[in-house]
Amino acid sequence: MLKFPHSKYKIRDANFELDYIKILTKVHKKLDIKKLVKLSNLFEKVINSNKRVFVLGNGGSAAVANHYVCDFNKNLSDLKNKKKPKFISLTNSIETITAIANDINFNQIYVKQLENFFIKGDLILIMSCSGTSKNIIETLKFCKKNNAKVVFLTGFLKKKINYKFEIFINLNCENYGICEDIFSTIMHITCQKIKVRNSKKIKII
């Protein structure tokens, strides 16, 4: 398990910056390329089947979830087969989230949305650094009950989850920022690969 920071740093030195980049590079190098290929193919299959991808996470992972919507729905809007990507972030409506949290339970903020929108064949992408947040666990219970296809990206989950994931990636790094950087990297790789393979114009914006 990679841990960072290792110690206190002096204000004016550059060691922190260098060490952050070193750890980030180590985690990047340990990524399972075969799983990234599988994830790109899975996203493409869901798009071609006219199904949806629901993306969710807490904190910085919530921001990455919203970024998925931006990049996939915009950059892949001109696929050759004319199929339109349907990426939906369950973190982007503060009104919905606060209403569920206040009136029902914060642990249900994703489940209650999925109960409204999920259809068999849709894909659920979960990003969670710890992998143990209560709203994430409740979401997995919903997925299990509804036999949902799930991709699970985690930073440093320390216990095994009893679920047959389509793809499971554990970065084994106990730094939230680095984990979220990698989550974003995975997003950009998969989106841009599908763009290059299937779009009329391959310019990436």
N, C-alpha and C. Protein backbone atom coordinates (compact mmCIF):
# COMPACT_ATOMS: atom_id res chain seq x y z
N MET A 1 0.84 -1.19 0.00
CA MET A 1 0.00 0.00 0.00
C MET A 1 0.88 1.25 0.00
N LEU A 2 0.72 2.10 -1.00
CA LEU A 2 1.50 3.34 -1.07
C LEU A 2 0.88 4.40 -0.16
N LYS A 3 1.72 5.04 0.65
CA LYS A 3 1.24 6.07 1.56
C LYS A 3 1.99 7.37 1.31
N PHE A 4 1.27 8.47 1.31
CA PHE A 4 1.87 9.78 1.09
C PHE A 4 0.96 10.83 1.73
N PRO A 5 1.47 11.86 2.40
CA PRO A 5 2.91 12.15 2.60
C PRO A 5 3.54 11.27 3.66
N HIS A 6 4.87 11.14 3.58
CA HIS A 6 5.59 10.28 4.50
C HIS A 6 5.99 11.04 5.77
N SER A 7 6.18 12.35 5.67
CA SER A 7 6.66 13.13 6.81
C SER A 7 6.32 14.60 6.59
N LYS A 8 6.70 15.44 7.53
CA LYS A 8 6.51 16.87 7.36
C LYS A 8 7.52 17.43 6.37
N TYR A 9 7.16 18.51 5.70
CA TYR A 9 8.04 19.12 4.71
C TYR A 9 8.29 20.57 5.06
N LYS A 10 9.46 21.05 4.69
CA LYS A 10 9.75 22.46 4.87
C LYS A 10 8.97 23.27 3.85
N ILE A 11 8.58 24.47 4.23
CA ILE A 11 7.72 25.30 3.39
C ILE A 11 8.34 25.60 2.04
N ARG A 12 9.63 25.90 2.02
CA ARG A 12 10.22 26.42 0.79
C ARG A 12 10.92 25.38 -0.08
N ASP A 13 11.01 24.16 0.39
CA ASP A 13 11.69 23.17 -0.46
C ASP A 13 10.72 22.59 -1.49
N ALA A 14 11.27 21.85 -2.43
CA ALA A 14 10.46 21.28 -3.51
C ALA A 14 10.26 19.78 -3.34
N ASN A 15 10.62 19.25 -2.18
CA ASN A 15 10.53 17.80 -1.98
C ASN A 15 9.10 17.29 -2.02
N PHE A 16 8.17 18.08 -1.46
CA PHE A 16 6.77 17.63 -1.47
C PHE A 16 6.27 17.46 -2.90
N GLU A 17 6.51 18.46 -3.72
CA GLU A 17 6.06 18.42 -5.12
C GLU A 17 6.67 17.22 -5.85
N LEU A 18 7.97 17.01 -5.63
CA LEU A 18 8.65 15.90 -6.29
C LEU A 18 8.12 14.55 -5.81
N ASP A 19 7.90 14.42 -4.52
CA ASP A 19 7.40 13.16 -3.98
C ASP A 19 5.98 12.87 -4.43
N TYR A 20 5.15 13.91 -4.49
CA TYR A 20 3.77 13.73 -4.97
C TYR A 20 3.79 13.16 -6.39
N ILE A 21 4.60 13.77 -7.24
CA ILE A 21 4.69 13.33 -8.64
C ILE A 21 5.25 11.92 -8.72
N LYS A 22 6.21 11.59 -7.87
CA LYS A 22 6.79 10.24 -7.87
C LYS A 22 5.74 9.19 -7.53
N ILE A 23 4.96 9.47 -6.48
CA ILE A 23 3.92 8.52 -6.08
C ILE A 23 2.84 8.42 -7.16
N LEU A 24 2.45 9.57 -7.71
CA LEU A 24 1.45 9.58 -8.77
C LEU A 24 1.93 8.74 -9.95
N THR A 25 3.19 8.87 -10.31
CA THR A 25 3.76 8.10 -11.42
C THR A 25 3.78 6.61 -11.11
N LYS A 26 4.11 6.25 -9.85
CA LYS A 26 4.12 4.84 -9.46
C LYS A 26 2.74 4.21 -9.61
N VAL A 27 1.73 4.95 -9.15
CA VAL A 27 0.36 4.42 -9.24
C VAL A 27 -0.07 4.28 -10.70
N HIS A 28 0.27 5.27 -11.51
CA HIS A 28 -0.05 5.20 -12.94
C HIS A 28 0.58 3.94 -13.56
N LYS A 29 1.83 3.68 -13.24
CA LYS A 29 2.55 2.55 -13.84
C LYS A 29 1.97 1.20 -13.42
N LYS A 30 1.32 1.18 -12.25
CA LYS A 30 0.76 -0.07 -11.76
C LYS A 30 -0.65 -0.34 -12.28
N LEU A 31 -1.21 0.60 -13.02
CA LEU A 31 -2.55 0.38 -13.58
C LEU A 31 -2.55 -0.85 -14.49
N ASP A 32 -3.60 -1.65 -14.36
CA ASP A 32 -3.76 -2.83 -15.20
C ASP A 32 -4.32 -2.40 -16.56
N ILE A 33 -3.47 -2.38 -17.57
CA ILE A 33 -3.87 -1.90 -18.89
C ILE A 33 -5.00 -2.75 -19.47
N LYS A 34 -4.97 -4.04 -19.20
CA LYS A 34 -6.03 -4.93 -19.70
C LYS A 34 -7.40 -4.51 -19.16
N LYS A 35 -7.41 -4.06 -17.91
CA LYS A 35 -8.68 -3.61 -17.33
C LYS A 35 -9.15 -2.31 -17.96
N LEU A 36 -8.20 -1.44 -18.32
CA LEU A 36 -8.57 -0.19 -18.99
C LEU A 36 -9.14 -0.47 -20.38
N VAL A 37 -8.54 -1.42 -21.08
CA VAL A 37 -9.06 -1.83 -22.39
C VAL A 37 -10.47 -2.39 -22.23
N LYS A 38 -10.64 -3.24 -21.23
CA LYS A 38 -11.96 -3.83 -20.97
C LYS A 38 -12.99 -2.76 -20.63
N LEU A 39 -12.56 -1.73 -19.88
CA LEU A 39 -13.48 -0.66 -19.50
C LEU A 39 -13.90 0.16 -20.72
N SER A 40 -12.96 0.48 -21.59
CA SER A 40 -13.29 1.20 -22.82
C SER A 40 -14.29 0.41 -23.65
N ASN A 41 -14.05 -0.89 -23.79
CA ASN A 41 -14.95 -1.74 -24.56
C ASN A 41 -16.32 -1.83 -23.91
N LEU A 42 -16.33 -1.86 -22.58
CA LEU A 42 -17.61 -1.94 -21.86
C LEU A 42 -18.42 -0.67 -22.05
N PHE A 43 -17.77 0.49 -21.92
CA PHE A 43 -18.46 1.75 -22.16
C PHE A 43 -19.04 1.78 -23.58
N GLU A 44 -18.23 1.35 -24.53
CA GLU A 44 -18.66 1.37 -25.94
C GLU A 44 -19.87 0.45 -26.14
N LYS A 45 -19.84 -0.70 -25.50
CA LYS A 45 -20.95 -1.65 -25.62
C LYS A 45 -22.24 -1.07 -25.05
N VAL A 46 -22.12 -0.39 -23.91
CA VAL A 46 -23.30 0.22 -23.28
C VAL A 46 -23.86 1.32 -24.19
N ILE A 47 -22.97 2.14 -24.75
CA ILE A 47 -23.40 3.20 -25.66
C ILE A 47 -24.11 2.62 -26.88
N ASN A 48 -23.52 1.58 -27.46
CA ASN A 48 -24.11 0.96 -28.65
C ASN A 48 -25.43 0.28 -28.36
N SER A 49 -25.64 -0.11 -27.10
CA SER A 49 -26.90 -0.75 -26.70
C SER A 49 -27.96 0.27 -26.31
N ASN A 50 -27.60 1.56 -26.42
CA ASN A 50 -28.51 2.65 -26.07
C ASN A 50 -28.91 2.63 -24.60
N LYS A 51 -28.00 2.15 -23.75
CA LYS A 51 -28.23 2.13 -22.31
C LYS A 51 -27.50 3.30 -21.66
N ARG A 52 -27.69 3.45 -20.36
CA ARG A 52 -27.09 4.57 -19.63
C ARG A 52 -25.94 4.12 -18.74
N VAL A 53 -25.05 5.05 -18.43
CA VAL A 53 -24.00 4.83 -17.44
C VAL A 53 -24.23 5.83 -16.31
N PHE A 54 -24.54 5.31 -15.12
CA PHE A 54 -24.71 6.17 -13.95
C PHE A 54 -23.38 6.23 -13.20
N VAL A 55 -22.92 7.44 -12.92
CA VAL A 55 -21.62 7.64 -12.27
C VAL A 55 -21.83 8.32 -10.93
N LEU A 56 -21.09 7.87 -9.92
CA LEU A 56 -21.27 8.47 -8.59
C LEU A 56 -20.00 8.36 -7.75
N GLY A 57 -19.95 9.21 -6.74
CA GLY A 57 -18.83 9.21 -5.80
C GLY A 57 -19.02 10.34 -4.82
N ASN A 58 -18.20 10.37 -3.80
CA ASN A 58 -18.28 11.42 -2.78
C ASN A 58 -17.09 12.37 -2.87
N GLY A 59 -17.30 13.63 -2.51
CA GLY A 59 -16.19 14.59 -2.48
C GLY A 59 -15.56 14.80 -3.85
N GLY A 60 -14.23 14.63 -3.90
CA GLY A 60 -13.53 14.79 -5.17
C GLY A 60 -14.00 13.80 -6.22
N SER A 61 -14.38 12.61 -5.79
CA SER A 61 -14.91 11.61 -6.73
C SER A 61 -16.23 12.06 -7.33
N ALA A 62 -17.00 12.85 -6.57
CA ALA A 62 -18.24 13.41 -7.10
C ALA A 62 -17.94 14.38 -8.24
N ALA A 63 -16.86 15.15 -8.07
CA ALA A 63 -16.46 16.08 -9.12
C ALA A 63 -16.04 15.32 -10.37
N VAL A 64 -15.33 14.21 -10.17
CA VAL A 64 -14.92 13.39 -11.33
C VAL A 64 -16.16 12.80 -12.00
N ALA A 65 -17.16 12.42 -11.21
CA ALA A 65 -18.41 11.88 -11.78
C ALA A 65 -19.05 12.90 -12.70
N ASN A 66 -19.08 14.16 -12.28
CA ASN A 66 -19.64 15.21 -13.13
C ASN A 66 -18.79 15.43 -14.38
N HIS A 67 -17.49 15.26 -14.23
CA HIS A 67 -16.57 15.41 -15.37
C HIS A 67 -16.84 14.33 -16.42
N TYR A 68 -17.20 13.12 -15.97
CA TYR A 68 -17.58 12.05 -16.90
C TYR A 68 -18.71 12.52 -17.82
N VAL A 69 -19.71 13.15 -17.23
CA VAL A 69 -20.86 13.62 -18.01
C VAL A 69 -20.41 14.63 -19.06
N CYS A 70 -19.56 15.55 -18.64
CA CYS A 70 -19.06 16.58 -19.55
C CYS A 70 -18.32 15.97 -20.73
N ASP A 71 -17.33 15.13 -20.45
CA ASP A 71 -16.46 14.63 -21.51
C ASP A 71 -17.14 13.60 -22.40
N PHE A 72 -17.83 12.63 -21.81
CA PHE A 72 -18.44 11.58 -22.62
C PHE A 72 -19.61 12.11 -23.45
N ASN A 73 -20.49 12.87 -22.83
CA ASN A 73 -21.67 13.32 -23.56
C ASN A 73 -21.34 14.35 -24.63
N LYS A 74 -20.28 15.13 -24.42
CA LYS A 74 -19.90 16.13 -25.42
C LYS A 74 -18.94 15.53 -26.47
N ASN A 75 -17.84 14.94 -26.00
CA ASN A 75 -16.82 14.47 -26.94
C ASN A 75 -17.29 13.31 -27.80
N LEU A 76 -18.27 12.55 -27.32
CA LEU A 76 -18.74 11.39 -28.09
C LEU A 76 -20.11 11.64 -28.71
N SER A 77 -20.39 12.88 -28.99
CA SER A 77 -21.70 13.22 -29.55
C SER A 77 -21.77 12.99 -31.05
N ASP A 78 -20.64 12.65 -31.69
CA ASP A 78 -20.63 12.47 -33.15
C ASP A 78 -20.09 11.11 -33.55
N LEU A 79 -20.49 10.07 -32.83
CA LEU A 79 -20.05 8.72 -33.17
C LEU A 79 -20.55 8.32 -34.55
N LYS A 80 -19.76 7.52 -35.25
CA LYS A 80 -20.09 7.11 -36.62
C LYS A 80 -21.42 6.36 -36.69
N ASN A 81 -21.69 5.56 -35.66
CA ASN A 81 -22.94 4.79 -35.68
C ASN A 81 -24.14 5.59 -35.19
N LYS A 82 -23.88 6.88 -34.88
CA LYS A 82 -24.92 7.82 -34.46
C LYS A 82 -25.55 7.47 -33.12
N LYS A 83 -24.95 6.55 -32.38
CA LYS A 83 -25.43 6.27 -31.04
C LYS A 83 -24.96 7.38 -30.10
N LYS A 84 -25.84 7.84 -29.25
CA LYS A 84 -25.52 8.93 -28.35
C LYS A 84 -25.17 8.41 -26.96
N PRO A 85 -24.03 8.81 -26.40
CA PRO A 85 -23.70 8.38 -25.04
C PRO A 85 -24.68 8.99 -24.05
N LYS A 86 -25.01 8.23 -23.03
CA LYS A 86 -25.95 8.69 -22.00
C LYS A 86 -25.31 8.48 -20.63
N PHE A 87 -24.39 9.36 -20.28
CA PHE A 87 -23.73 9.33 -18.98
C PHE A 87 -24.47 10.27 -18.03
N ILE A 88 -24.85 9.74 -16.88
CA ILE A 88 -25.63 10.51 -15.92
C ILE A 88 -24.92 10.49 -14.57
N SER A 89 -24.63 11.67 -14.05
CA SER A 89 -23.99 11.76 -12.73
C SER A 89 -25.07 11.88 -11.65
N LEU A 90 -24.97 11.04 -10.66
CA LEU A 90 -25.92 11.09 -9.54
C LEU A 90 -25.46 12.08 -8.48
N THR A 91 -24.42 12.84 -8.78
CA THR A 91 -23.90 13.81 -7.81
C THR A 91 -24.17 15.26 -8.21
N ASN A 92 -24.79 15.48 -9.35
CA ASN A 92 -24.82 16.84 -9.89
C ASN A 92 -26.07 17.65 -9.54
N SER A 93 -26.98 17.08 -8.78
CA SER A 93 -28.17 17.84 -8.37
C SER A 93 -28.15 18.04 -6.86
N ILE A 94 -27.65 19.18 -6.43
CA ILE A 94 -27.59 19.45 -4.99
C ILE A 94 -28.99 19.51 -4.39
N GLU A 95 -29.97 19.90 -5.20
CA GLU A 95 -31.36 19.95 -4.72
C GLU A 95 -31.86 18.54 -4.38
N THR A 96 -31.62 17.61 -5.30
CA THR A 96 -32.06 16.23 -5.07
C THR A 96 -31.31 15.60 -3.90
N ILE A 97 -30.00 15.79 -3.87
CA ILE A 97 -29.17 15.19 -2.83
C ILE A 97 -29.57 15.70 -1.44
N THR A 98 -29.73 17.02 -1.31
CA THR A 98 -30.08 17.56 0.01
C THR A 98 -31.49 17.20 0.43
N ALA A 99 -32.39 17.08 -0.53
CA ALA A 99 -33.76 16.68 -0.20
C ALA A 99 -33.80 15.26 0.34
N ILE A 100 -33.09 14.36 -0.34
CA ILE A 100 -33.04 12.97 0.12
C ILE A 100 -32.34 12.88 1.47
N ALA A 101 -31.22 13.59 1.58
CA ALA A 101 -30.44 13.55 2.82
C ALA A 101 -31.24 14.09 4.00
N ASN A 102 -31.97 15.16 3.77
CA ASN A 102 -32.73 15.81 4.84
C ASN A 102 -34.00 15.05 5.19
N ASP A 103 -34.71 14.60 4.18
CA ASP A 103 -36.03 14.01 4.41
C ASP A 103 -36.01 12.50 4.61
N ILE A 104 -34.98 11.84 4.10
CA ILE A 104 -34.91 10.37 4.21
C ILE A 104 -33.65 9.97 4.98
N ASN A 105 -32.52 9.94 4.27
CA ASN A 105 -31.26 9.57 4.90
C ASN A 105 -30.13 9.83 3.91
N PHE A 106 -29.03 10.40 4.39
CA PHE A 106 -27.91 10.69 3.49
C PHE A 106 -27.37 9.42 2.84
N ASN A 107 -27.46 8.32 3.54
CA ASN A 107 -26.96 7.06 2.99
C ASN A 107 -27.74 6.60 1.77
N GLN A 108 -28.91 7.21 1.54
CA GLN A 108 -29.79 6.80 0.44
C GLN A 108 -29.72 7.75 -0.77
N ILE A 109 -28.79 8.70 -0.77
CA ILE A 109 -28.81 9.73 -1.81
C ILE A 109 -28.64 9.17 -3.22
N TYR A 110 -27.96 8.05 -3.37
CA TYR A 110 -27.78 7.45 -4.69
C TYR A 110 -28.83 6.38 -4.96
N VAL A 111 -29.17 5.62 -3.93
CA VAL A 111 -30.16 4.56 -4.08
C VAL A 111 -31.50 5.11 -4.55
N LYS A 112 -31.96 6.20 -3.92
CA LYS A 112 -33.26 6.75 -4.25
C LYS A 112 -33.31 7.26 -5.70
N GLN A 113 -32.19 7.76 -6.19
CA GLN A 113 -32.15 8.19 -7.59
C GLN A 113 -32.17 6.98 -8.52
N LEU A 114 -31.42 5.95 -8.17
CA LEU A 114 -31.38 4.75 -9.00
C LEU A 114 -32.74 4.04 -9.02
N GLU A 115 -33.45 4.11 -7.91
CA GLU A 115 -34.79 3.51 -7.88
C GLU A 115 -35.70 4.16 -8.91
N ASN A 116 -35.47 5.43 -9.20
CA ASN A 116 -36.28 6.14 -10.19
C ASN A 116 -35.85 5.85 -11.61
N PHE A 117 -34.53 5.73 -11.83
CA PHE A 117 -34.02 5.76 -13.19
C PHE A 117 -33.43 4.46 -13.72
N PHE A 118 -32.95 3.58 -12.85
CA PHE A 118 -32.22 2.41 -13.31
C PHE A 118 -33.10 1.45 -14.11
N ILE A 119 -32.56 1.00 -15.25
CA ILE A 119 -33.22 0.00 -16.09
C ILE A 119 -32.21 -1.12 -16.35
N LYS A 120 -32.67 -2.32 -16.41
CA LYS A 120 -31.79 -3.47 -16.65
C LYS A 120 -30.94 -3.22 -17.90
N GLY A 121 -29.66 -3.45 -17.78
CA GLY A 121 -28.74 -3.22 -18.89
C GLY A 121 -27.91 -1.96 -18.72
N ASP A 122 -28.37 -1.06 -17.83
CA ASP A 122 -27.59 0.14 -17.52
C ASP A 122 -26.34 -0.28 -16.72
N LEU A 123 -25.33 0.57 -16.77
CA LEU A 123 -24.08 0.33 -16.06
C LEU A 123 -23.94 1.36 -14.93
N ILE A 124 -23.45 0.92 -13.79
CA ILE A 124 -23.22 1.82 -12.66
C ILE A 124 -21.73 1.87 -12.38
N LEU A 125 -21.16 3.06 -12.45
CA LEU A 125 -19.74 3.28 -12.18
C LEU A 125 -19.60 3.96 -10.82
N ILE A 126 -18.96 3.27 -9.90
CA ILE A 126 -18.77 3.79 -8.54
C ILE A 126 -17.30 4.12 -8.33
N MET A 127 -17.04 5.33 -7.86
CA MET A 127 -15.69 5.73 -7.48
C MET A 127 -15.69 6.06 -5.99
N SER A 128 -14.79 5.41 -5.26
CA SER A 128 -14.72 5.65 -3.82
C SER A 128 -13.31 5.37 -3.33
N CYS A 129 -12.65 6.38 -2.80
CA CYS A 129 -11.27 6.19 -2.33
C CYS A 129 -11.20 5.12 -1.26
N SER A 130 -12.04 5.23 -0.23
CA SER A 130 -12.02 4.25 0.86
C SER A 130 -12.80 3.00 0.51
N GLY A 131 -13.86 3.17 -0.31
CA GLY A 131 -14.70 2.05 -0.68
C GLY A 131 -15.68 1.64 0.39
N THR A 132 -15.71 2.36 1.52
CA THR A 132 -16.54 1.93 2.64
C THR A 132 -17.57 2.97 3.09
N SER A 133 -17.73 4.06 2.35
CA SER A 133 -18.73 5.06 2.71
C SER A 133 -20.12 4.41 2.73
N LYS A 134 -20.94 4.81 3.69
CA LYS A 134 -22.23 4.15 3.86
C LYS A 134 -23.14 4.29 2.64
N ASN A 135 -23.09 5.46 1.98
CA ASN A 135 -23.95 5.60 0.79
C ASN A 135 -23.45 4.74 -0.37
N ILE A 136 -22.16 4.43 -0.38
CA ILE A 136 -21.61 3.52 -1.38
C ILE A 136 -22.05 2.08 -1.08
N ILE A 137 -21.99 1.69 0.18
CA ILE A 137 -22.42 0.35 0.57
C ILE A 137 -23.90 0.15 0.27
N GLU A 138 -24.73 1.16 0.55
CA GLU A 138 -26.15 1.06 0.25
C GLU A 138 -26.40 0.96 -1.25
N THR A 139 -25.59 1.66 -2.02
CA THR A 139 -25.71 1.58 -3.48
C THR A 139 -25.39 0.17 -3.96
N LEU A 140 -24.35 -0.43 -3.40
CA LEU A 140 -23.99 -1.80 -3.77
C LEU A 140 -25.10 -2.79 -3.41
N LYS A 141 -25.78 -2.54 -2.29
CA LYS A 141 -26.92 -3.40 -1.92
C LYS A 141 -28.02 -3.30 -2.97
N PHE A 142 -28.28 -2.06 -3.45
CA PHE A 142 -29.27 -1.87 -4.52
C PHE A 142 -28.83 -2.63 -5.76
N CYS A 143 -27.56 -2.50 -6.11
CA CYS A 143 -27.04 -3.15 -7.31
C CYS A 143 -27.18 -4.67 -7.24
N LYS A 144 -26.87 -5.19 -6.07
CA LYS A 144 -26.98 -6.65 -5.88
C LYS A 144 -28.42 -7.11 -6.00
N LYS A 145 -29.33 -6.35 -5.42
CA LYS A 145 -30.75 -6.68 -5.46
C LYS A 145 -31.28 -6.64 -6.88
N ASN A 146 -30.75 -5.73 -7.69
CA ASN A 146 -31.25 -5.55 -9.05
C ASN A 146 -30.34 -6.15 -10.12
N ASN A 147 -29.36 -6.93 -9.67
CA ASN A 147 -28.45 -7.61 -10.59
C ASN A 147 -27.82 -6.63 -11.59
N ALA A 148 -27.35 -5.51 -11.07
CA ALA A 148 -26.81 -4.45 -11.93
C ALA A 148 -25.34 -4.70 -12.28
N LYS A 149 -24.96 -4.24 -13.46
CA LYS A 149 -23.56 -4.29 -13.86
C LYS A 149 -22.84 -3.13 -13.18
N VAL A 150 -21.73 -3.43 -12.51
CA VAL A 150 -21.03 -2.42 -11.73
C VAL A 150 -19.54 -2.40 -12.05
N VAL A 151 -19.02 -1.19 -12.25
CA VAL A 151 -17.59 -0.95 -12.30
C VAL A 151 -17.22 -0.22 -11.02
N PHE A 152 -16.24 -0.72 -10.30
CA PHE A 152 -15.88 -0.17 -9.00
C PHE A 152 -14.42 0.27 -9.01
N LEU A 153 -14.19 1.57 -8.84
CA LEU A 153 -12.84 2.12 -8.77
C LEU A 153 -12.61 2.59 -7.34
N THR A 154 -11.58 2.08 -6.69
CA THR A 154 -11.30 2.46 -5.31
C THR A 154 -9.82 2.77 -5.13
N GLY A 155 -9.56 3.55 -4.09
CA GLY A 155 -8.18 3.95 -3.84
C GLY A 155 -7.46 3.00 -2.92
N PHE A 156 -8.12 2.63 -1.81
CA PHE A 156 -7.43 1.80 -0.82
C PHE A 156 -8.40 0.95 -0.01
N LEU A 157 -9.32 0.32 -0.70
CA LEU A 157 -10.26 -0.58 -0.02
C LEU A 157 -9.48 -1.73 0.61
N LYS A 158 -9.72 -1.96 1.90
CA LYS A 158 -8.93 -2.95 2.63
C LYS A 158 -9.69 -4.24 2.93
N LYS A 159 -10.94 -4.31 2.51
CA LYS A 159 -11.68 -5.54 2.73
C LYS A 159 -12.37 -5.96 1.44
N LYS A 160 -12.56 -7.24 1.31
CA LYS A 160 -13.16 -7.78 0.09
C LYS A 160 -14.66 -7.53 0.09
N ILE A 161 -15.18 -7.11 -1.06
CA ILE A 161 -16.61 -6.90 -1.21
C ILE A 161 -17.20 -8.07 -1.97
N ASN A 162 -18.25 -8.63 -1.43
CA ASN A 162 -18.89 -9.78 -2.05
C ASN A 162 -19.80 -9.34 -3.18
N TYR A 163 -19.19 -9.09 -4.34
CA TYR A 163 -19.95 -8.67 -5.51
C TYR A 163 -19.19 -9.06 -6.77
N LYS A 164 -19.90 -9.52 -7.77
CA LYS A 164 -19.28 -9.89 -9.04
C LYS A 164 -19.24 -8.66 -9.95
N PHE A 165 -18.17 -7.88 -9.82
CA PHE A 165 -18.03 -6.66 -10.60
C PHE A 165 -17.68 -6.96 -12.05
N GLU A 166 -18.13 -6.07 -12.93
CA GLU A 166 -17.69 -6.16 -14.32
C GLU A 166 -16.19 -5.85 -14.36
N ILE A 167 -15.80 -4.81 -13.63
CA ILE A 167 -14.40 -4.42 -13.52
C ILE A 167 -14.18 -3.87 -12.11
N PHE A 168 -13.09 -4.29 -11.48
CA PHE A 168 -12.73 -3.81 -10.15
C PHE A 168 -11.27 -3.35 -10.20
N ILE A 169 -11.04 -2.09 -9.81
CA ILE A 169 -9.68 -1.55 -9.79
C ILE A 169 -9.42 -0.94 -8.43
N ASN A 170 -8.40 -1.46 -7.74
CA ASN A 170 -7.96 -0.92 -6.45
C ASN A 170 -6.55 -0.35 -6.65
N LEU A 171 -6.39 0.95 -6.45
CA LEU A 171 -5.13 1.63 -6.71
C LEU A 171 -4.09 1.38 -5.61
N ASN A 172 -4.52 0.91 -4.45
CA ASN A 172 -3.62 0.65 -3.33
C ASN A 172 -2.75 1.86 -2.98
N CYS A 173 -3.41 3.00 -2.87
CA CYS A 173 -2.72 4.24 -2.54
C CYS A 173 -3.57 5.02 -1.54
N GLU A 174 -2.98 5.36 -0.39
CA GLU A 174 -3.74 6.05 0.65
C GLU A 174 -3.54 7.56 0.58
N ASN A 175 -3.84 8.13 -0.57
CA ASN A 175 -3.82 9.59 -0.71
C ASN A 175 -5.00 9.95 -1.61
N TYR A 176 -5.94 10.70 -1.05
CA TYR A 176 -7.17 10.99 -1.78
C TYR A 176 -6.91 11.75 -3.08
N GLY A 177 -6.02 12.73 -3.03
CA GLY A 177 -5.74 13.52 -4.22
C GLY A 177 -5.18 12.69 -5.35
N ILE A 178 -4.22 11.83 -5.03
CA ILE A 178 -3.61 10.97 -6.05
C ILE A 178 -4.65 10.00 -6.61
N CYS A 179 -5.47 9.43 -5.74
CA CYS A 179 -6.52 8.51 -6.21
C CYS A 179 -7.47 9.22 -7.18
N GLU A 180 -7.87 10.43 -6.81
CA GLU A 180 -8.80 11.18 -7.68
C GLU A 180 -8.13 11.60 -8.98
N ASP A 181 -6.82 11.86 -8.94
CA ASP A 181 -6.08 12.12 -10.17
C ASP A 181 -6.15 10.91 -11.10
N ILE A 182 -5.99 9.73 -10.53
CA ILE A 182 -6.02 8.50 -11.34
C ILE A 182 -7.43 8.23 -11.85
N PHE A 183 -8.43 8.48 -11.02
CA PHE A 183 -9.82 8.32 -11.49
C PHE A 183 -10.04 9.18 -12.73
N SER A 184 -9.52 10.40 -12.70
CA SER A 184 -9.65 11.30 -13.86
C SER A 184 -8.87 10.78 -15.06
N THR A 185 -7.70 10.24 -14.80
CA THR A 185 -6.89 9.66 -15.89
C THR A 185 -7.65 8.53 -16.58
N ILE A 186 -8.25 7.65 -15.78
CA ILE A 186 -9.03 6.54 -16.34
C ILE A 186 -10.18 7.07 -17.19
N MET A 187 -10.83 8.12 -16.70
CA MET A 187 -11.93 8.73 -17.45
C MET A 187 -11.45 9.25 -18.81
N HIS A 188 -10.34 10.00 -18.80
CA HIS A 188 -9.84 10.59 -20.04
C HIS A 188 -9.36 9.53 -21.03
N ILE A 189 -8.68 8.50 -20.53
CA ILE A 189 -8.20 7.43 -21.40
C ILE A 189 -9.35 6.75 -22.12
N THR A 190 -10.36 6.34 -21.36
CA THR A 190 -11.46 5.59 -21.96
C THR A 190 -12.28 6.44 -22.92
N CYS A 191 -12.55 7.69 -22.53
CA CYS A 191 -13.33 8.57 -23.39
C CYS A 191 -12.59 8.87 -24.69
N GLN A 192 -11.32 9.22 -24.58
CA GLN A 192 -10.56 9.59 -25.77
C GLN A 192 -10.34 8.40 -26.69
N LYS A 193 -10.18 7.21 -26.11
CA LYS A 193 -10.01 6.02 -26.97
C LYS A 193 -11.26 5.76 -27.80
N ILE A 194 -12.43 5.85 -27.16
CA ILE A 194 -13.68 5.65 -27.90
C ILE A 194 -13.84 6.72 -28.97
N LYS A 195 -13.45 7.95 -28.64
CA LYS A 195 -13.51 9.06 -29.60
C LYS A 195 -12.66 8.76 -30.83
N VAL A 196 -11.43 8.35 -30.61
CA VAL A 196 -10.50 8.09 -31.71
C VAL A 196 -10.97 6.92 -32.56
N ARG A 197 -11.57 5.94 -31.93
CA ARG A 197 -11.99 4.73 -32.66
C ARG A 197 -13.28 4.92 -33.45
N ASN A 198 -14.15 5.82 -32.99
CA ASN A 198 -15.50 5.82 -33.54
C ASN A 198 -16.04 7.14 -34.04
N SER A 199 -15.35 8.23 -33.85
CA SER A 199 -15.91 9.52 -34.22
C SER A 199 -15.48 9.96 -35.62
N LYS A 200 -16.31 10.76 -36.23
CA LYS A 200 -16.00 11.30 -37.55
C LYS A 200 -14.81 12.22 -37.48
N LYS A 201 -14.74 13.00 -36.38
CA LYS A 201 -13.61 13.90 -36.16
C LYS A 201 -12.93 13.46 -34.88
N ILE A 202 -11.62 13.26 -34.94
CA ILE A 202 -10.92 12.72 -33.78
C ILE A 202 -10.28 13.80 -32.92
N LYS A 203 -10.51 15.07 -33.23
CA LYS A 203 -9.96 16.13 -32.42
C LYS A 203 -10.54 16.05 -31.01
N ILE A 204 -9.65 16.07 -30.02
CA ILE A 204 -10.06 16.00 -28.63
C ILE A 204 -10.08 17.40 -28.03
N ILE A 205 -11.21 17.78 -27.47
CA ILE A 205 -11.34 19.11 -26.87
C ILE A 205 -11.52 18.96 -25.37
